[in-house]
Amino acid sequence: MLKRLGINLEQLPGVKEVRIIGEDTTRIIRDPSVYKVNSPGQTMYQIVGTEEILQEGEAGEEEYVPAEEDVALVAQRTGKSLEQAKAALVSTKGDLAQAILLLRD
């Protein structure tokens, strides 16, 4: 029925977290089911999961945890250890290019 209306529903596999950042709050949905809904002229996302709401200021207190793939990439590109690569990614809040530059200096 949806296809006849030009609507395509696709589940996005492997999503670990969705963040919705507002002026005063940040909503975090961990291990969500995320669906991409394409219809003529627009794309929508449907997110199903349990949310955690952080008030302004709380979101900054949460330490960034880099993905293992990012840590491995930075370590490979710089020749540094995984621990050094992880520390660089944490200090740059996940900015791969910045972390690589930081370790090359």
C-alpha atoms as a PDB file:
ATOM      1  CA  MET A   1       0.000   0.000   0.000  1.00  0.00           C
ATOM      2  CA  LEU A   2       2.755   2.459   0.903  1.00  0.00           C
ATOM      3  CA  LYS A   3       4.658   1.818  -2.317  1.00  0.00           C
ATOM      4  CA  ARG A   4       1.545   2.646  -4.356  1.00  0.00           C
ATOM      5  CA  LEU A   5       1.489   6.013  -2.611  1.00  0.00           C
ATOM      6  CA  GLY A   6       5.168   6.574  -3.447  1.00  0.00           C
ATOM      7  CA  ILE A   7       6.304   6.052   0.136  1.00  0.00           C
ATOM      8  CA  ASN A   8       9.406   3.967   0.820  1.00  0.00           C
ATOM      9  CA  LEU A   9      10.160   2.756   4.372  1.00  0.00           C
ATOM     10  CA  GLU A  10      13.722   1.641   5.152  1.00  0.00           C
ATOM     11  CA  GLN A  11      15.181   0.554   8.499  1.00  0.00           C
ATOM     12  CA  LEU A  12      18.649   1.967   9.207  1.00  0.00           C
ATOM     13  CA  PRO A  13      20.722  -0.851  10.730  1.00  0.00           C
ATOM     14  CA  GLY A  14      23.446  -0.410  13.336  1.00  0.00           C
ATOM     15  CA  VAL A  15      22.306   2.915  14.829  1.00  0.00           C
ATOM     16  CA  LYS A  16      23.763   3.182  18.327  1.00  0.00           C
ATOM     17  CA  GLU A  17      22.433   6.533  19.461  1.00  0.00           C
ATOM     18  CA  VAL A  18      20.293   9.472  18.361  1.00  0.00           C
ATOM     19  CA  ARG A  19      20.697  12.917  19.931  1.00  0.00           C
ATOM     20  CA  ILE A  20      18.208  15.728  19.602  1.00  0.00           C
ATOM     21  CA  ILE A  21      19.855  18.895  20.865  1.00  0.00           C
ATOM     22  CA  GLY A  22      17.552  21.729  21.868  1.00  0.00           C
ATOM     23  CA  GLU A  23      18.177  25.097  23.484  1.00  0.00           C
ATOM     24  CA  ASP A  24      17.699  23.855  27.051  1.00  0.00           C
ATOM     25  CA  THR A  25      17.696  20.067  26.787  1.00  0.00           C
ATOM     26  CA  THR A  26      19.361  17.214  24.967  1.00  0.00           C
ATOM     27  CA  ARG A  27      17.353  14.059  24.297  1.00  0.00           C
ATOM     28  CA  ILE A  28      19.410  10.887  23.939  1.00  0.00           C
ATOM     29  CA  ILE A  29      17.909   7.697  22.549  1.00  0.00           C
ATOM     30  CA  ARG A  30      20.317   4.766  22.899  1.00  0.00           C
ATOM     31  CA  ASP A  31      20.065   1.600  20.780  1.00  0.00           C
ATOM     32  CA  PRO A  32      17.071   2.922  18.845  1.00  0.00           C
ATOM     33  CA  SER A  33      15.203   1.445  15.916  1.00  0.00           C
ATOM     34  CA  VAL A  34      15.429   4.098  13.213  1.00  0.00           C
ATOM     35  CA  TYR A  35      13.336   4.122  10.071  1.00  0.00           C
ATOM     36  CA  LYS A  36      13.809   6.413   7.094  1.00  0.00           C
ATOM     37  CA  VAL A  37      10.523   7.268   5.393  1.00  0.00           C
ATOM     38  CA  ASN A  38      10.878   8.652   1.858  1.00  0.00           C
ATOM     39  CA  SER A  39       7.824  10.187   0.292  1.00  0.00           C
ATOM     40  CA  PRO A  40       7.529  12.470  -2.718  1.00  0.00           C
ATOM     41  CA  GLY A  41       9.198  15.738  -1.804  1.00  0.00           C
ATOM     42  CA  GLN A  42      10.342  14.904   1.720  1.00  0.00           C
ATOM     43  CA  THR A  43      12.261  12.533   3.957  1.00  0.00           C
ATOM     44  CA  MET A  44      11.217  11.757   7.538  1.00  0.00           C
ATOM     45  CA  TYR A  45      12.849   9.688  10.255  1.00  0.00           C
ATOM     46  CA  GLN A  46      10.945   7.597  12.780  1.00  0.00           C
ATOM     47  CA  ILE A  47      12.899   6.842  15.966  1.00  0.00           C
ATOM     48  CA  VAL A  48      11.699   4.193  18.418  1.00  0.00           C
ATOM     49  CA  GLY A  49      13.384   3.774  21.787  1.00  0.00           C
ATOM     50  CA  THR A  50      13.673   4.996  25.357  1.00  0.00           C
ATOM     51  CA  GLU A  51      14.857   8.553  25.766  1.00  0.00           C
ATOM     52  CA  GLU A  52      17.039  10.133  28.387  1.00  0.00           C
ATOM     53  CA  ILE A  53      16.618  13.878  28.829  1.00  0.00           C
ATOM     54  CA  LEU A  54      19.569  15.992  29.939  1.00  0.00           C
ATOM     55  CA  GLN A  55      19.011  19.564  31.063  1.00  0.00           C
ATOM     56  CA  GLU A  56      21.254  22.409  29.920  1.00  0.00           C
ATOM     57  CA  GLY A  57      24.720  21.905  31.360  1.00  0.00           C
ATOM     58  CA  GLU A  58      24.318  18.168  31.994  1.00  0.00           C
ATOM     59  CA  ALA A  59      25.033  17.240  28.367  1.00  0.00           C
ATOM     60  CA  GLY A  60      28.508  18.753  28.577  1.00  0.00           C
ATOM     61  CA  GLU A  61      29.356  16.646  31.616  1.00  0.00           C
ATOM     62  CA  GLU A  62      29.057  13.384  29.693  1.00  0.00           C
ATOM     63  CA  GLU A  63      32.475  12.221  28.466  1.00  0.00           C
ATOM     64  CA  TYR A  64      32.766  11.525  24.762  1.00  0.00           C
ATOM     65  CA  VAL A  65      33.484   7.862  23.993  1.00  0.00           C
ATOM     66  CA  PRO A  66      34.989   7.372  20.522  1.00  0.00           C
ATOM     67  CA  ALA A  67      34.013   4.449  18.316  1.00  0.00           C
ATOM     68  CA  GLU A  68      36.569   1.654  18.086  1.00  0.00           C
ATOM     69  CA  GLU A  69      36.792   2.146  14.310  1.00  0.00           C
ATOM     70  CA  ASP A  70      37.710   5.816  14.797  1.00  0.00           C
ATOM     71  CA  VAL A  71      40.373   4.940  17.380  1.00  0.00           C
ATOM     72  CA  ALA A  72      41.892   2.341  15.033  1.00  0.00           C
ATOM     73  CA  LEU A  73      41.878   4.776  12.109  1.00  0.00           C
ATOM     74  CA  VAL A  74      43.645   7.538  14.071  1.00  0.00           C
ATOM     75  CA  ALA A  75      46.204   5.060  15.448  1.00  0.00           C
ATOM     76  CA  GLN A  76      46.880   3.692  11.963  1.00  0.00           C
ATOM     77  CA  ARG A  77      47.234   7.140  10.361  1.00  0.00           C
ATOM     78  CA  THR A  78      49.565   8.476  13.054  1.00  0.00           C
ATOM     79  CA  GLY A  79      51.528   5.379  14.057  1.00  0.00           C
ATOM     80  CA  LYS A  80      50.550   5.965  17.690  1.00  0.00           C
ATOM     81  CA  SER A  81      49.062   3.495  20.175  1.00  0.00           C
ATOM     82  CA  LEU A  82      45.343   2.869  20.515  1.00  0.00           C
ATOM     83  CA  GLU A  83      45.414   4.549  23.934  1.00  0.00           C
ATOM     84  CA  GLN A  84      47.031   7.688  22.503  1.00  0.00           C
ATOM     85  CA  ALA A  85      44.561   7.729  19.615  1.00  0.00           C
ATOM     86  CA  LYS A  86      41.609   7.378  22.003  1.00  0.00           C
ATOM     87  CA  ALA A  87      42.897  10.185  24.223  1.00  0.00           C
ATOM     88  CA  ALA A  88      43.291  12.457  21.190  1.00  0.00           C
ATOM     89  CA  LEU A  89      39.753  11.689  20.026  1.00  0.00           C
ATOM     90  CA  VAL A  90      38.340  12.372  23.489  1.00  0.00           C
ATOM     91  CA  SER A  91      40.177  15.700  23.698  1.00  0.00           C
ATOM     92  CA  THR A  92      38.899  16.727  20.241  1.00  0.00           C
ATOM     93  CA  LYS A  93      35.385  15.378  20.960  1.00  0.00           C
ATOM     94  CA  GLY A  94      35.556  12.987  18.010  1.00  0.00           C
ATOM     95  CA  ASP A  95      37.047  15.260  15.353  1.00  0.00           C
ATOM     96  CA  LEU A  96      39.133  12.747  13.383  1.00  0.00           C
ATOM     97  CA  ALA A  97      41.185  15.283  11.422  1.00  0.00           C
ATOM     98  CA  GLN A  98      41.943  17.326  14.530  1.00  0.00           C
ATOM     99  CA  ALA A  99      42.962  14.201  16.471  1.00  0.00           C
ATOM    100  CA  ILE A 100      45.330  13.118  13.693  1.00  0.00           C
ATOM    101  CA  LEU A 101      46.887  16.584  13.535  1.00  0.00           C
ATOM    102  CA  LEU A 102      47.224  16.670  17.321  1.00  0.00           C
ATOM    103  CA  LEU A 103      49.169  13.390  17.358  1.00  0.00           C
ATOM    104  CA  ARG A 104      51.377  14.309  14.402  1.00  0.00           C
ATOM    105  CA  ASP A 105      52.660  17.485  16.069  1.00  0.00           C
END
